[in-house]
Every structure is written in structure tokens, then in C-alpha cells.
Amino acid sequence: MRSSRNHIYDNKTVEENNLPEDYYLNIQKQQFQGASASQIGGKHYTKLAIQPWDYVIANDLDYFQGSIIKYVTRWRDKGGIDDLKKAIHFLEKYIEAQGVKRGLDRTP
């Protein structure tokens, strides 16, 4: 079994995706450069080891997956239980959208 540290997306390792071996280290270093160096409206992301948008990019996640990650990551420092409810709401819509996409019945 592969180390979870090496997973990027589609169950491929850093090597299988032709990414440099130090890819994760570079993501962490870049966290304090460019847009990730600052945050508008708080510090709930800049204090993290990796910001949600860097995680989303590194793992090739879609809009719904990224939003769920964002709300679950920040709930203690920003929106509290409401952020967890937002994550659930996004997950419910994501499940609904995936069901429609695959021709499955929608659940109420």
C-alpha cells in the first residue's frame, strides 16, 4: 500500500504524476508566498500547515470537494457549528449532483 503522503489524485503517486519528489515540501514553502502570504478577514487559514486552496490544487479536487474541505478546516476558528452545517449542506448537494450525473434516483 502506498503512503498517503504520496497520493495526489486518481490513486497515483508523485512519481506516477511526474511531479518532483519535493512537491509537498514546495507547496508548504509556497504557502507563505504569493496570495497565500496574506488573508483578508482573519487568520484562520494562514496559521495552517497547508491552506485549503493549496490542498485542493494539490489533490485536483472539484468545487464541492474544495468547499467541504474549506468549511471543515475552518469551523473552530471562524464559523463554528454553522461552518459544519455548511459542509453538510455542500455534501448533500454533491451527493445529489453525483446521483443525477450517474442517472440514479435522487433522495429527498
N, C-alpha and C. Protein backbone atom coordinates (compact mmCIF):
# COMPACT_ATOMS: atom_id res chain seq x y z
N MET A 1 0.84 -1.18 0.00
CA MET A 1 0.00 0.00 0.00
C MET A 1 0.88 1.24 0.00
N ARG A 2 0.51 2.22 -0.79
CA ARG A 2 1.28 3.46 -0.89
C ARG A 2 1.07 4.34 0.33
N SER A 3 2.06 5.10 0.66
CA SER A 3 1.95 6.08 1.73
C SER A 3 0.95 7.15 1.32
N SER A 4 0.06 7.55 2.25
CA SER A 4 -0.93 8.58 1.91
C SER A 4 -0.25 9.90 1.55
N ARG A 5 0.97 10.10 2.03
CA ARG A 5 1.72 11.32 1.72
C ARG A 5 2.01 11.41 0.22
N ASN A 6 2.11 10.28 -0.44
CA ASN A 6 2.44 10.28 -1.86
C ASN A 6 1.22 10.36 -2.76
N HIS A 7 0.03 10.26 -2.21
CA HIS A 7 -1.17 10.33 -3.05
C HIS A 7 -1.44 11.75 -3.47
N ILE A 8 -1.69 11.95 -4.73
CA ILE A 8 -2.07 13.25 -5.27
C ILE A 8 -3.52 13.16 -5.73
N TYR A 9 -3.79 12.40 -6.74
CA TYR A 9 -5.13 12.20 -7.24
C TYR A 9 -5.15 10.96 -8.10
N ASP A 10 -6.34 10.44 -8.32
CA ASP A 10 -6.53 9.22 -9.11
C ASP A 10 -5.66 8.08 -8.60
N ASN A 11 -5.41 8.05 -7.28
CA ASN A 11 -4.61 6.99 -6.66
C ASN A 11 -3.23 6.85 -7.27
N LYS A 12 -2.68 7.93 -7.77
CA LYS A 12 -1.33 7.91 -8.33
C LYS A 12 -0.37 8.58 -7.36
N THR A 13 0.87 8.14 -7.40
CA THR A 13 1.89 8.74 -6.54
C THR A 13 2.48 9.96 -7.22
N VAL A 14 3.30 10.67 -6.47
CA VAL A 14 4.02 11.82 -7.00
C VAL A 14 4.78 11.41 -8.26
N GLU A 15 5.44 10.26 -8.20
CA GLU A 15 6.24 9.80 -9.33
C GLU A 15 5.36 9.49 -10.56
N GLU A 16 4.23 8.84 -10.35
CA GLU A 16 3.35 8.48 -11.46
C GLU A 16 2.73 9.71 -12.12
N ASN A 17 2.63 10.80 -11.40
CA ASN A 17 2.11 12.04 -11.96
C ASN A 17 3.22 12.95 -12.47
N ASN A 18 4.44 12.42 -12.50
CA ASN A 18 5.60 13.17 -12.96
C ASN A 18 5.80 14.48 -12.20
N LEU A 19 5.54 14.43 -10.91
CA LEU A 19 5.78 15.59 -10.05
C LEU A 19 7.11 15.41 -9.34
N PRO A 20 7.79 16.51 -9.04
CA PRO A 20 9.06 16.39 -8.33
C PRO A 20 8.88 15.76 -6.96
N GLU A 21 9.89 15.06 -6.49
CA GLU A 21 9.83 14.36 -5.20
C GLU A 21 9.51 15.32 -4.05
N ASP A 22 9.97 16.56 -4.14
CA ASP A 22 9.76 17.53 -3.06
C ASP A 22 8.49 18.37 -3.29
N TYR A 23 7.54 17.84 -4.02
CA TYR A 23 6.32 18.57 -4.37
C TYR A 23 5.60 19.10 -3.12
N TYR A 24 5.38 18.22 -2.13
CA TYR A 24 4.66 18.64 -0.93
C TYR A 24 5.44 19.68 -0.14
N LEU A 25 6.74 19.50 -0.05
CA LEU A 25 7.58 20.48 0.64
C LEU A 25 7.48 21.84 -0.04
N ASN A 26 7.50 21.84 -1.37
CA ASN A 26 7.37 23.10 -2.10
C ASN A 26 6.02 23.75 -1.88
N ILE A 27 4.95 22.96 -1.80
CA ILE A 27 3.62 23.51 -1.52
C ILE A 27 3.66 24.22 -0.17
N GLN A 28 4.27 23.56 0.83
CA GLN A 28 4.34 24.17 2.16
C GLN A 28 5.16 25.45 2.13
N LYS A 29 6.27 25.46 1.42
CA LYS A 29 7.10 26.66 1.33
C LYS A 29 6.37 27.78 0.61
N GLN A 30 5.65 27.43 -0.45
CA GLN A 30 4.94 28.44 -1.24
C GLN A 30 3.75 29.02 -0.49
N GLN A 31 3.34 28.34 0.59
CA GLN A 31 2.20 28.81 1.37
C GLN A 31 2.41 30.24 1.82
N PHE A 32 3.64 30.64 2.06
CA PHE A 32 3.90 31.98 2.57
C PHE A 32 4.36 32.92 1.46
N GLN A 33 4.11 32.54 0.24
CA GLN A 33 4.43 33.39 -0.90
C GLN A 33 3.15 33.65 -1.68
N GLY A 34 3.16 34.70 -2.45
CA GLY A 34 2.02 35.00 -3.32
C GLY A 34 0.75 35.23 -2.52
N ALA A 35 -0.38 34.79 -3.08
CA ALA A 35 -1.68 35.03 -2.48
C ALA A 35 -1.82 34.36 -1.11
N SER A 36 -1.09 33.29 -0.88
CA SER A 36 -1.18 32.59 0.41
C SER A 36 -0.46 33.32 1.53
N ALA A 37 0.31 34.33 1.20
CA ALA A 37 1.07 35.06 2.22
C ALA A 37 0.16 35.94 3.07
N SER A 38 -1.02 36.25 2.58
CA SER A 38 -1.93 37.11 3.34
C SER A 38 -3.33 36.53 3.30
N GLN A 39 -4.15 37.06 4.18
CA GLN A 39 -5.54 36.63 4.20
C GLN A 39 -6.41 37.83 4.50
N ILE A 40 -7.49 37.95 3.80
CA ILE A 40 -8.43 39.04 4.03
C ILE A 40 -9.48 38.54 5.01
N GLY A 41 -9.64 39.22 6.11
CA GLY A 41 -10.70 38.88 7.06
C GLY A 41 -10.37 37.80 8.05
N GLY A 42 -9.19 37.79 8.61
CA GLY A 42 -8.86 36.82 9.66
C GLY A 42 -7.55 36.12 9.42
N LYS A 43 -7.26 35.16 10.30
CA LYS A 43 -6.03 34.39 10.19
C LYS A 43 -6.32 32.88 10.29
N HIS A 44 -7.56 32.51 10.06
CA HIS A 44 -7.96 31.11 10.22
C HIS A 44 -7.36 30.18 9.18
N TYR A 45 -6.83 30.69 8.08
CA TYR A 45 -6.16 29.84 7.09
C TYR A 45 -4.65 29.98 7.16
N THR A 46 -4.14 31.20 7.36
CA THR A 46 -2.69 31.42 7.30
C THR A 46 -1.95 30.68 8.40
N LYS A 47 -2.62 30.31 9.48
CA LYS A 47 -1.94 29.60 10.56
C LYS A 47 -1.85 28.09 10.30
N LEU A 48 -2.48 27.61 9.24
CA LEU A 48 -2.47 26.17 8.94
C LEU A 48 -1.17 25.74 8.27
N ALA A 49 -0.83 24.47 8.41
CA ALA A 49 0.36 23.92 7.75
C ALA A 49 0.21 23.99 6.24
N ILE A 50 -0.99 23.74 5.75
CA ILE A 50 -1.30 23.88 4.33
C ILE A 50 -2.70 24.47 4.23
N GLN A 51 -2.85 25.50 3.43
CA GLN A 51 -4.15 26.14 3.30
C GLN A 51 -5.08 25.27 2.45
N PRO A 52 -6.39 25.35 2.71
CA PRO A 52 -7.34 24.53 1.95
C PRO A 52 -7.18 24.66 0.44
N TRP A 53 -6.94 25.88 -0.08
CA TRP A 53 -6.85 26.01 -1.54
C TRP A 53 -5.60 25.33 -2.08
N ASP A 54 -4.50 25.31 -1.31
CA ASP A 54 -3.31 24.58 -1.73
C ASP A 54 -3.58 23.08 -1.74
N TYR A 55 -4.31 22.60 -0.72
CA TYR A 55 -4.69 21.19 -0.65
C TYR A 55 -5.59 20.82 -1.83
N VAL A 56 -6.54 21.68 -2.14
CA VAL A 56 -7.47 21.45 -3.25
C VAL A 56 -6.70 21.35 -4.57
N ILE A 57 -5.78 22.27 -4.79
CA ILE A 57 -4.98 22.27 -6.02
C ILE A 57 -4.11 21.01 -6.09
N ALA A 58 -3.43 20.69 -4.99
CA ALA A 58 -2.52 19.55 -4.97
C ALA A 58 -3.24 18.23 -5.21
N ASN A 59 -4.51 18.17 -4.83
CA ASN A 59 -5.27 16.93 -4.96
C ASN A 59 -6.31 16.98 -6.07
N ASP A 60 -6.27 18.02 -6.89
CA ASP A 60 -7.15 18.15 -8.05
C ASP A 60 -8.62 17.95 -7.68
N LEU A 61 -9.05 18.63 -6.61
CA LEU A 61 -10.43 18.49 -6.15
C LEU A 61 -11.34 19.45 -6.90
N ASP A 62 -12.61 19.11 -6.95
CA ASP A 62 -13.57 19.98 -7.62
C ASP A 62 -14.16 21.01 -6.64
N TYR A 63 -15.07 21.83 -7.14
CA TYR A 63 -15.66 22.91 -6.35
C TYR A 63 -16.30 22.42 -5.06
N PHE A 64 -17.13 21.39 -5.15
CA PHE A 64 -17.83 20.89 -3.97
C PHE A 64 -16.84 20.31 -2.96
N GLN A 65 -15.91 19.50 -3.43
CA GLN A 65 -14.92 18.91 -2.54
C GLN A 65 -14.11 20.00 -1.85
N GLY A 66 -13.71 21.02 -2.60
CA GLY A 66 -12.94 22.12 -2.04
C GLY A 66 -13.72 22.90 -0.99
N SER A 67 -15.00 23.14 -1.26
CA SER A 67 -15.83 23.87 -0.30
C SER A 67 -16.01 23.08 0.99
N ILE A 68 -16.21 21.77 0.86
CA ILE A 68 -16.36 20.92 2.04
C ILE A 68 -15.07 20.96 2.87
N ILE A 69 -13.93 20.83 2.22
CA ILE A 69 -12.63 20.91 2.91
C ILE A 69 -12.50 22.26 3.62
N LYS A 70 -12.84 23.33 2.93
CA LYS A 70 -12.73 24.68 3.49
C LYS A 70 -13.53 24.81 4.78
N TYR A 71 -14.80 24.43 4.74
CA TYR A 71 -15.66 24.60 5.91
C TYR A 71 -15.25 23.71 7.08
N VAL A 72 -14.87 22.47 6.79
CA VAL A 72 -14.46 21.56 7.85
C VAL A 72 -13.14 22.03 8.48
N THR A 73 -12.26 22.60 7.67
CA THR A 73 -10.98 23.07 8.17
C THR A 73 -11.11 24.29 9.06
N ARG A 74 -11.98 25.19 8.74
CA ARG A 74 -12.03 26.48 9.46
C ARG A 74 -13.06 26.57 10.58
N TRP A 75 -13.89 25.58 10.78
CA TRP A 75 -15.04 25.72 11.66
C TRP A 75 -14.70 26.16 13.08
N ARG A 76 -13.59 25.69 13.64
CA ARG A 76 -13.24 26.06 15.01
C ARG A 76 -12.81 27.52 15.13
N ASP A 77 -12.22 28.06 14.07
CA ASP A 77 -11.65 29.40 14.13
C ASP A 77 -12.49 30.47 13.45
N LYS A 78 -13.55 30.08 12.77
CA LYS A 78 -14.33 31.11 12.07
C LYS A 78 -15.82 30.96 12.33
N GLY A 79 -16.46 30.01 11.68
CA GLY A 79 -17.92 29.98 11.69
C GLY A 79 -18.57 29.05 12.69
N GLY A 80 -17.78 28.31 13.46
CA GLY A 80 -18.34 27.38 14.44
C GLY A 80 -19.21 26.31 13.80
N ILE A 81 -20.22 25.90 14.53
CA ILE A 81 -21.12 24.83 14.07
C ILE A 81 -21.77 25.17 12.73
N ASP A 82 -22.00 26.45 12.46
CA ASP A 82 -22.58 26.85 11.17
C ASP A 82 -21.70 26.42 10.01
N ASP A 83 -20.38 26.47 10.18
CA ASP A 83 -19.49 26.01 9.11
C ASP A 83 -19.62 24.50 8.90
N LEU A 84 -19.81 23.74 9.98
CA LEU A 84 -20.02 22.30 9.82
C LEU A 84 -21.35 22.03 9.12
N LYS A 85 -22.36 22.84 9.42
CA LYS A 85 -23.65 22.69 8.73
C LYS A 85 -23.51 23.04 7.25
N LYS A 86 -22.69 24.05 6.94
CA LYS A 86 -22.43 24.39 5.54
C LYS A 86 -21.74 23.23 4.84
N ALA A 87 -20.78 22.60 5.51
CA ALA A 87 -20.09 21.45 4.91
C ALA A 87 -21.08 20.33 4.62
N ILE A 88 -21.98 20.06 5.54
CA ILE A 88 -23.01 19.04 5.34
C ILE A 88 -23.91 19.42 4.17
N HIS A 89 -24.29 20.69 4.10
CA HIS A 89 -25.16 21.17 3.02
C HIS A 89 -24.48 20.97 1.66
N PHE A 90 -23.20 21.32 1.58
CA PHE A 90 -22.45 21.11 0.33
C PHE A 90 -22.36 19.62 0.01
N LEU A 91 -22.15 18.79 1.03
CA LEU A 91 -22.05 17.35 0.81
C LEU A 91 -23.38 16.78 0.32
N GLU A 92 -24.48 17.26 0.88
CA GLU A 92 -25.80 16.82 0.43
C GLU A 92 -26.01 17.17 -1.05
N LYS A 93 -25.65 18.40 -1.42
CA LYS A 93 -25.80 18.82 -2.82
C LYS A 93 -24.88 18.02 -3.73
N TYR A 94 -23.68 17.75 -3.24
CA TYR A 94 -22.70 16.97 -4.03
C TYR A 94 -23.22 15.56 -4.28
N ILE A 95 -23.78 14.94 -3.25
CA ILE A 95 -24.36 13.60 -3.40
C ILE A 95 -25.52 13.65 -4.40
N GLU A 96 -26.36 14.67 -4.27
CA GLU A 96 -27.48 14.83 -5.20
C GLU A 96 -26.98 14.99 -6.64
N ALA A 97 -25.99 15.85 -6.84
CA ALA A 97 -25.44 16.10 -8.18
C ALA A 97 -24.80 14.84 -8.75
N GLN A 98 -24.11 14.08 -7.93
CA GLN A 98 -23.47 12.86 -8.41
C GLN A 98 -24.52 11.82 -8.78
N GLY A 99 -25.61 11.77 -8.04
CA GLY A 99 -26.70 10.85 -8.36
C GLY A 99 -27.34 11.19 -9.68
N VAL A 100 -27.59 12.47 -9.92
CA VAL A 100 -28.18 12.93 -11.18
C VAL A 100 -27.21 12.63 -12.32
N LYS A 101 -25.95 12.91 -12.10
CA LYS A 101 -24.92 12.69 -13.12
C LYS A 101 -24.85 11.23 -13.55
N ARG A 102 -25.09 10.34 -12.60
CA ARG A 102 -24.99 8.91 -12.87
C ARG A 102 -26.35 8.28 -13.16
N GLY A 103 -27.40 9.11 -13.23
CA GLY A 103 -28.72 8.60 -13.55
C GLY A 103 -29.39 7.85 -12.41
N LEU A 104 -28.95 8.11 -11.20
CA LEU A 104 -29.54 7.44 -10.04
C LEU A 104 -30.70 8.27 -9.50
N ASP A 105 -31.55 7.62 -8.76
CA ASP A 105 -32.68 8.34 -8.15
C ASP A 105 -32.14 9.33 -7.13
N ARG A 106 -32.81 10.47 -7.07
CA ARG A 106 -32.46 11.48 -6.07
C ARG A 106 -33.20 11.18 -4.80
N THR A 107 -32.54 11.36 -3.68
CA THR A 107 -33.21 11.17 -2.41
C THR A 107 -33.67 12.53 -1.89
N PRO A 108 -34.84 12.57 -1.25
CA PRO A 108 -35.36 13.86 -0.77
C PRO A 108 -34.50 14.44 0.34
